[in-house]
C-alpha atoms as a PDB file:
ATOM      1  CA  MET A   1       5.293  31.448 -12.242  1.00  0.00           C
ATOM      2  CA  GLN A   2       1.802  30.258 -12.343  1.00  0.00           C
ATOM      3  CA  ALA A   3      -0.261  28.353 -14.830  1.00  0.00           C
ATOM      4  CA  GLN A   4      -1.349  30.564 -17.801  1.00  0.00           C
ATOM      5  CA  TYR A   5      -4.645  30.118 -19.920  1.00  0.00           C
ATOM      6  CA  ARG A   6      -5.220  31.531 -23.251  1.00  0.00           C
ATOM      7  CA  GLN A   7      -8.307  31.211 -25.568  1.00  0.00           C
ATOM      8  CA  ILE A   8      -7.184  30.323 -28.990  1.00  0.00           C
ATOM      9  CA  ASP A   9     -10.587  30.122 -30.538  1.00  0.00           C
ATOM     10  CA  ASN A  10     -14.214  29.001 -29.651  1.00  0.00           C
ATOM     11  CA  GLU A  11     -13.013  25.390 -29.232  1.00  0.00           C
ATOM     12  CA  THR A  12      -9.441  25.544 -28.191  1.00  0.00           C
ATOM     13  CA  ILE A  13      -7.621  26.680 -24.929  1.00  0.00           C
ATOM     14  CA  SER A  14      -3.841  26.857 -24.617  1.00  0.00           C
ATOM     15  CA  ILE A  15      -2.538  26.002 -21.100  1.00  0.00           C
ATOM     16  CA  PHE A  16       1.004  26.567 -20.028  1.00  0.00           C
ATOM     17  CA  ILE A  17       2.165  24.778 -16.778  1.00  0.00           C
ATOM     18  CA  PRO A  18       5.686  25.586 -15.610  1.00  0.00           C
ATOM     19  CA  MET A  19       7.433  22.304 -14.743  1.00  0.00           C
ATOM     20  CA  GLN A  20      10.619  20.321 -15.117  1.00  0.00           C
ATOM     21  CA  VAL A  21      11.033  16.911 -16.257  1.00  0.00           C
ATOM     22  CA  LYS A  22      13.866  14.917 -14.681  1.00  0.00           C
ATOM     23  CA  LYS A  23      14.987  11.392 -15.162  1.00  0.00           C
ATOM     24  CA  ARG A  24      14.931   9.218 -11.959  1.00  0.00           C
ATOM     25  CA  GLY A  25      15.873   5.605 -12.266  1.00  0.00           C
ATOM     26  CA  GLY A  26      15.203   5.485 -15.984  1.00  0.00           C
ATOM     27  CA  ALA A  27      11.628   6.902 -15.625  1.00  0.00           C
ATOM     28  CA  ALA A  28      10.688  10.560 -16.312  1.00  0.00           C
ATOM     29  CA  MET A  29       9.297  12.428 -13.412  1.00  0.00           C
ATOM     30  CA  VAL A  30       7.452  15.648 -13.353  1.00  0.00           C
ATOM     31  CA  ILE A  31       8.733  18.467 -10.894  1.00  0.00           C
ATOM     32  CA  LEU A  32       6.174  21.152 -10.281  1.00  0.00           C
ATOM     33  CA  PRO A  33       7.406  24.593  -8.935  1.00  0.00           C
ATOM     34  CA  THR A  34       7.615  24.873  -5.172  1.00  0.00           C
ATOM     35  CA  ASN A  35       4.787  27.355  -5.168  1.00  0.00           C
ATOM     36  CA  ALA A  36       2.286  24.963  -7.027  1.00  0.00           C
ATOM     37  CA  PRO A  37      -0.677  23.870  -5.112  1.00  0.00           C
ATOM     38  CA  GLN A  38      -0.222  20.497  -3.651  1.00  0.00           C
ATOM     39  CA  SER A  39      -2.645  17.602  -4.038  1.00  0.00           C
ATOM     40  CA  SER A  40      -4.193  16.254  -0.947  1.00  0.00           C
ATOM     41  CA  LYS A  41      -3.996  12.714  -2.338  1.00  0.00           C
ATOM     42  CA  THR A  42      -1.747  10.313  -0.637  1.00  0.00           C
ATOM     43  CA  ASN A  43       1.268   8.823  -2.279  1.00  0.00           C
ATOM     44  CA  HIS A  44       1.872   5.417  -0.933  1.00  0.00           C
ATOM     45  CA  ASP A  45       5.116   4.235  -2.186  1.00  0.00           C
ATOM     46  CA  GLN A  46       4.919   0.386  -1.940  1.00  0.00           C
ATOM     47  CA  LYS A  47       8.664  -0.148  -2.387  1.00  0.00           C
ATOM     48  CA  LEU A  48       9.536   2.361   0.257  1.00  0.00           C
ATOM     49  CA  ILE A  49       7.010   0.906   2.674  1.00  0.00           C
ATOM     50  CA  LYS A  50       8.124  -2.787   2.139  1.00  0.00           C
ATOM     51  CA  ALA A  51      11.790  -1.569   2.644  1.00  0.00           C
ATOM     52  CA  PHE A  52      10.879  -0.007   6.047  1.00  0.00           C
ATOM     53  CA  ALA A  53       8.902  -3.237   6.921  1.00  0.00           C
ATOM     54  CA  LYS A  54      11.958  -5.375   5.998  1.00  0.00           C
ATOM     55  CA  ALA A  55      14.229  -3.248   8.069  1.00  0.00           C
ATOM     56  CA  HIS A  56      11.997  -3.668  11.178  1.00  0.00           C
ATOM     57  CA  LYS A  57      11.537  -7.320  10.634  1.00  0.00           C
ATOM     58  CA  TRP A  58      15.241  -7.968  10.212  1.00  0.00           C
ATOM     59  CA  GLN A  59      16.152  -5.862  13.346  1.00  0.00           C
ATOM     60  CA  GLN A  60      13.701  -7.812  15.237  1.00  0.00           C
ATOM     61  CA  MET A  61      15.258 -10.928  14.002  1.00  0.00           C
ATOM     62  CA  LEU A  62      18.756  -9.867  15.170  1.00  0.00           C
ATOM     63  CA  LYS A  63      17.469  -8.815  18.594  1.00  0.00           C
ATOM     64  CA  LYS A  64      15.763 -12.082  19.130  1.00  0.00           C
ATOM     65  CA  ASP A  65      18.908 -14.134  18.381  1.00  0.00           C
ATOM     66  CA  ASN A  66      22.147 -12.487  19.077  1.00  0.00           C
ATOM     67  CA  ARG A  67      24.043 -15.325  17.723  1.00  0.00           C
ATOM     68  CA  LEU A  68      22.928 -14.533  14.151  1.00  0.00           C
ATOM     69  CA  THR A  69      25.327 -12.479  12.022  1.00  0.00           C
ATOM     70  CA  LEU A  70      24.377 -10.106   9.204  1.00  0.00           C
ATOM     71  CA  ALA A  71      25.848 -12.598   6.676  1.00  0.00           C
ATOM     72  CA  HIS A  72      23.921 -15.676   7.974  1.00  0.00           C
ATOM     73  CA  LEU A  73      20.669 -13.564   8.160  1.00  0.00           C
ATOM     74  CA  ALA A  74      21.183 -12.110   4.616  1.00  0.00           C
ATOM     75  CA  ASP A  75      21.760 -15.564   3.359  1.00  0.00           C
ATOM     76  CA  LYS A  76      18.601 -16.827   5.230  1.00  0.00           C
ATOM     77  CA  GLU A  77      16.566 -14.026   3.594  1.00  0.00           C
ATOM     78  CA  ASN A  78      18.021 -14.829   0.202  1.00  0.00           C
ATOM     79  CA  VAL A  79      19.568 -11.270  -0.430  1.00  0.00           C
ATOM     80  CA  ALA A  80      23.102  -9.943  -0.768  1.00  0.00           C
ATOM     81  CA  ILE A  81      24.649  -8.713   2.451  1.00  0.00           C
ATOM     82  CA  SER A  82      25.260  -5.256   0.763  1.00  0.00           C
ATOM     83  CA  TYR A  83      21.571  -4.923   0.221  1.00  0.00           C
ATOM     84  CA  PHE A  84      20.659  -6.312   3.675  1.00  0.00           C
ATOM     85  CA  SER A  85      23.008  -3.732   5.298  1.00  0.00           C
ATOM     86  CA  LYS A  86      21.438  -0.826   3.415  1.00  0.00           C
ATOM     87  CA  ILE A  87      17.970  -1.932   4.230  1.00  0.00           C
ATOM     88  CA  LEU A  88      19.037  -2.362   7.874  1.00  0.00           C
ATOM     89  CA  ARG A  89      20.061   1.271   8.040  1.00  0.00           C
ATOM     90  CA  LEU A  90      16.495   2.229   7.628  1.00  0.00           C
ATOM     91  CA  ASN A  91      15.867   1.564  11.234  1.00  0.00           C
ATOM     92  CA  TYR A  92      17.819   4.844  12.036  1.00  0.00           C
ATOM     93  CA  VAL A  93      15.492   7.081  10.092  1.00  0.00           C
ATOM     94  CA  ALA A  94      13.538   9.550  12.283  1.00  0.00           C
ATOM     95  CA  PRO A  95      10.154   8.162  13.470  1.00  0.00           C
ATOM     96  CA  ASP A  96       8.154  10.998  12.040  1.00  0.00           C
ATOM     97  CA  ILE A  97       9.831  10.589   8.511  1.00  0.00           C
ATOM     98  CA  ILE A  98       8.805   6.844   8.815  1.00  0.00           C
ATOM     99  CA  THR A  99       5.225   7.732   9.973  1.00  0.00           C
ATOM    100  CA  THR A 100       4.802  10.198   7.052  1.00  0.00           C
ATOM    101  CA  ILE A 101       6.028   7.593   4.620  1.00  0.00           C
ATOM    102  CA  LEU A 102       3.625   5.021   5.892  1.00  0.00           C
ATOM    103  CA  ASP A 103       0.766   7.720   5.582  1.00  0.00           C
ATOM    104  CA  GLY A 104       1.816   8.175   1.993  1.00  0.00           C
ATOM    105  CA  LYS A 105       2.418  12.072   2.574  1.00  0.00           C
ATOM    106  CA  GLN A 106       6.168  12.125   1.870  1.00  0.00           C
ATOM    107  CA  PRO A 107       7.594  14.322  -0.979  1.00  0.00           C
ATOM    108  CA  ARG A 108       6.562  12.844  -4.216  1.00  0.00           C
ATOM    109  CA  SER A 109      10.222  12.914  -5.444  1.00  0.00           C
ATOM    110  CA  LEU A 110      11.412  10.701  -2.475  1.00  0.00           C
ATOM    111  CA  LYS A 111      12.358   7.165  -3.662  1.00  0.00           C
ATOM    112  CA  LEU A 112      13.958   4.161  -1.960  1.00  0.00           C
ATOM    113  CA  GLN A 113      17.165   4.878  -3.914  1.00  0.00           C
ATOM    114  CA  ASP A 114      17.572   8.052  -1.859  1.00  0.00           C
ATOM    115  CA  PHE A 115      17.869   6.053   1.312  1.00  0.00           C
ATOM    116  CA  MET A 116      20.077   3.471  -0.309  1.00  0.00           C
ATOM    117  CA  THR A 117      22.656   5.638  -2.059  1.00  0.00           C
ATOM    118  CA  LYS A 118      22.953   8.676   0.395  1.00  0.00           C
ATOM    119  CA  PRO A 119      24.487   8.388   3.799  1.00  0.00           C
ATOM    120  CA  ILE A 120      21.604   8.728   6.482  1.00  0.00           C
ATOM    121  CA  PRO A 121      22.514  11.583   8.905  1.00  0.00           C
ATOM    122  CA  HIS A 122      22.577  10.829  12.602  1.00  0.00           C
ATOM    123  CA  LEU A 123      20.528  13.750  13.541  1.00  0.00           C
ATOM    124  CA  TRP A 124      16.911  13.491  12.757  1.00  0.00           C
ATOM    125  CA  GLN A 125      16.676  17.309  11.907  1.00  0.00           C
ATOM    126  CA  GLU A 126      19.518  16.703   9.215  1.00  0.00           C
ATOM    127  CA  GLN A 127      17.577  13.800   7.844  1.00  0.00           C
ATOM    128  CA  LYS A 128      14.392  15.895   7.358  1.00  0.00           C
ATOM    129  CA  GLU A 129      16.500  18.456   5.558  1.00  0.00           C
ATOM    130  CA  MET A 130      18.294  15.897   3.095  1.00  0.00           C
ATOM    131  CA  PHE A 131      15.050  13.973   2.322  1.00  0.00           C
ATOM    132  CA  GLY A 132      12.750  17.085   1.817  1.00  0.00           C
ATOM    133  CA  PHE A 133      10.555  17.006   4.919  1.00  0.00           C
END
């Protein structure tokens, strides 16, 4: 279904745009139909980008000093070990997904919470399907 326009009178136009409103993390999100034209604007999700940066940083810290434990590093970074572990898993996301996120061209509905709450498949193709790429 596409947007529909209707002239009410000389000064008023009625516009109907098919969409769904879903709650995500307490905020309302507008979901347009799959056939709706996509904007060429980028969508740089700073939370998502920072999480991938932390994951890379923490992985490098672990590689640099193999005596460090996850618990010690989590304590050093002042975060809970459960959060630390979930962020560290981002290092196993397909490189082209990461590049797309850094370019701000990921699906608008994709949020950090998706990576934190869902198990990340080992196969990159399965990751692309799961996260909407």
